[in-house]
Amino acid sequence: MKARIFKPAKNAMQSGRGNSGQWLLEYELETARRPEPLMGWTASGDTLNSVRMKFDSKEAAIAFAENKGLDFVVNDEHLRKTTPRTYLDNFKYRPFEEEK
């Protein structure tokens, strides 16, 4: 079985970074998804596609995958680039070339 370990991006409904420190382990799809003939819903042959396990650290997720003998891929987290600004910076004079 293949698995993917990653740190998810924050939800669009979140304004802060709370509860964003967890790492997830998801199983890759073994069978393709297809529409169900009766209702037309999207279905899959395996049930592991709905399993998402949360871990407090990347090392814990890797240790779990190695212990269970899973083939896994680790996607590193994307670091957020921030420039510290104050309220005063909204009103500072900046020459035209610097505004880009």
Protein backbone atom coordinates (compact mmCIF):
# COMPACT_ATOMS: atom_id res chain seq x y z
CA MET A 1 0.00 0.00 0.00
CA LYS A 2 1.13 3.52 -0.71
CA ALA A 3 0.63 6.41 1.68
CA ARG A 4 1.23 10.13 1.62
CA ILE A 5 2.42 12.11 4.64
CA PHE A 6 1.87 15.85 4.55
CA LYS A 7 1.02 18.91 6.58
CA PRO A 8 -2.27 20.31 5.27
CA ALA A 9 -2.79 23.95 4.38
CA LYS A 10 -5.09 25.93 6.59
CA ASN A 11 -8.77 25.94 5.84
CA ALA A 12 -10.25 28.91 3.99
CA MET A 13 -12.46 29.53 7.02
CA GLN A 14 -9.46 29.88 9.35
CA SER A 15 -7.95 33.27 9.96
CA GLY A 16 -5.20 32.17 12.33
CA ARG A 17 -2.78 29.32 12.45
CA GLY A 18 -4.36 27.40 15.33
CA ASN A 19 -4.69 23.62 14.99
CA SER A 20 -2.38 23.65 11.98
CA GLY A 21 0.52 21.80 13.57
CA GLN A 22 -0.63 18.28 12.78
CA TRP A 23 0.65 15.97 10.05
CA LEU A 24 -1.70 13.71 8.10
CA LEU A 25 -1.20 10.23 6.68
CA GLU A 26 -3.53 9.38 3.78
CA TYR A 27 -3.60 6.21 1.72
CA GLU A 28 -3.35 6.52 -2.04
CA LEU A 29 -6.19 5.14 -4.15
CA GLU A 30 -5.77 1.50 -5.13
CA THR A 31 -8.69 1.50 -7.57
CA ALA A 32 -10.04 4.25 -9.76
CA ARG A 33 -13.17 6.16 -8.78
CA ARG A 34 -16.21 5.68 -10.95
CA PRO A 35 -19.87 6.69 -10.88
CA GLU A 36 -22.17 4.27 -9.12
CA PRO A 37 -24.82 2.94 -11.53
CA LEU A 38 -27.81 3.24 -9.19
CA MET A 39 -27.46 6.71 -7.66
CA GLY A 40 -24.69 8.23 -9.75
CA TRP A 41 -22.49 8.99 -6.74
CA THR A 42 -18.74 8.68 -7.06
CA ALA A 43 -17.62 5.33 -5.66
CA SER A 44 -14.38 3.45 -5.20
CA GLY A 45 -13.55 -0.20 -4.69
CA ASP A 46 -11.43 0.31 -1.57
CA THR A 47 -12.40 1.88 1.74
CA LEU A 48 -8.94 3.14 2.68
CA ASN A 49 -9.44 6.35 0.71
CA SER A 50 -11.52 7.72 3.59
CA VAL A 51 -8.87 7.04 6.26
CA ARG A 52 -6.92 10.09 7.44
CA MET A 53 -4.67 9.67 10.48
CA LYS A 54 -3.37 12.68 12.38
CA PHE A 55 0.06 12.84 14.02
CA ASP A 56 1.70 15.52 16.13
CA SER A 57 5.00 15.37 14.24
CA LYS A 58 6.39 14.27 10.91
CA GLU A 59 8.69 11.79 12.65
CA ALA A 60 5.74 10.08 14.36
CA ALA A 61 3.94 9.66 11.04
CA ILE A 62 7.07 8.25 9.39
CA ALA A 63 7.63 5.85 12.31
CA PHE A 64 4.04 4.60 12.01
CA ALA A 65 4.38 4.04 8.26
CA GLU A 66 7.68 2.21 8.65
CA ASN A 67 6.28 0.07 11.48
CA LYS A 68 3.33 -1.00 9.31
CA GLY A 69 5.52 -1.60 6.25
CA LEU A 70 3.89 1.05 4.06
CA ASP A 71 5.45 2.64 1.01
CA PHE A 72 5.17 6.35 1.71
CA VAL A 73 6.02 9.74 0.28
CA VAL A 74 6.65 12.73 2.52
CA ASN A 75 5.57 16.14 1.22
CA ASP A 76 7.43 18.84 3.13
CA GLU A 77 5.47 21.71 4.57
CA HIS A 78 5.30 25.02 2.76
CA LEU A 79 6.76 27.79 4.86
CA ARG A 80 4.77 30.98 5.06
CA LYS A 81 6.62 34.15 4.14
CA THR A 82 5.57 37.09 6.25
CA THR A 83 6.82 40.64 6.34
CA PRO A 84 6.24 42.21 9.74
CA ARG A 85 4.23 45.40 9.41
CA THR A 86 2.59 47.81 11.79
CA TYR A 87 -0.46 49.97 11.41
CA LEU A 88 1.83 52.94 10.78
CA ASP A 89 3.22 51.26 7.64
CA ASN A 90 -0.15 51.77 5.93
CA PHE A 91 0.44 55.55 5.93
CA LYS A 92 4.19 55.80 5.33
CA TYR A 93 5.42 57.59 2.24
CA ARG A 94 7.11 55.24 -0.21
CA PRO A 95 8.51 56.41 -3.52
CA PHE A 96 6.82 55.01 -6.65
CA GLU A 97 9.59 52.48 -7.45
CA GLU A 98 9.36 50.93 -3.98
CA GLU A 99 5.61 50.19 -4.11
CA LYS A 100 5.97 47.11 -6.35
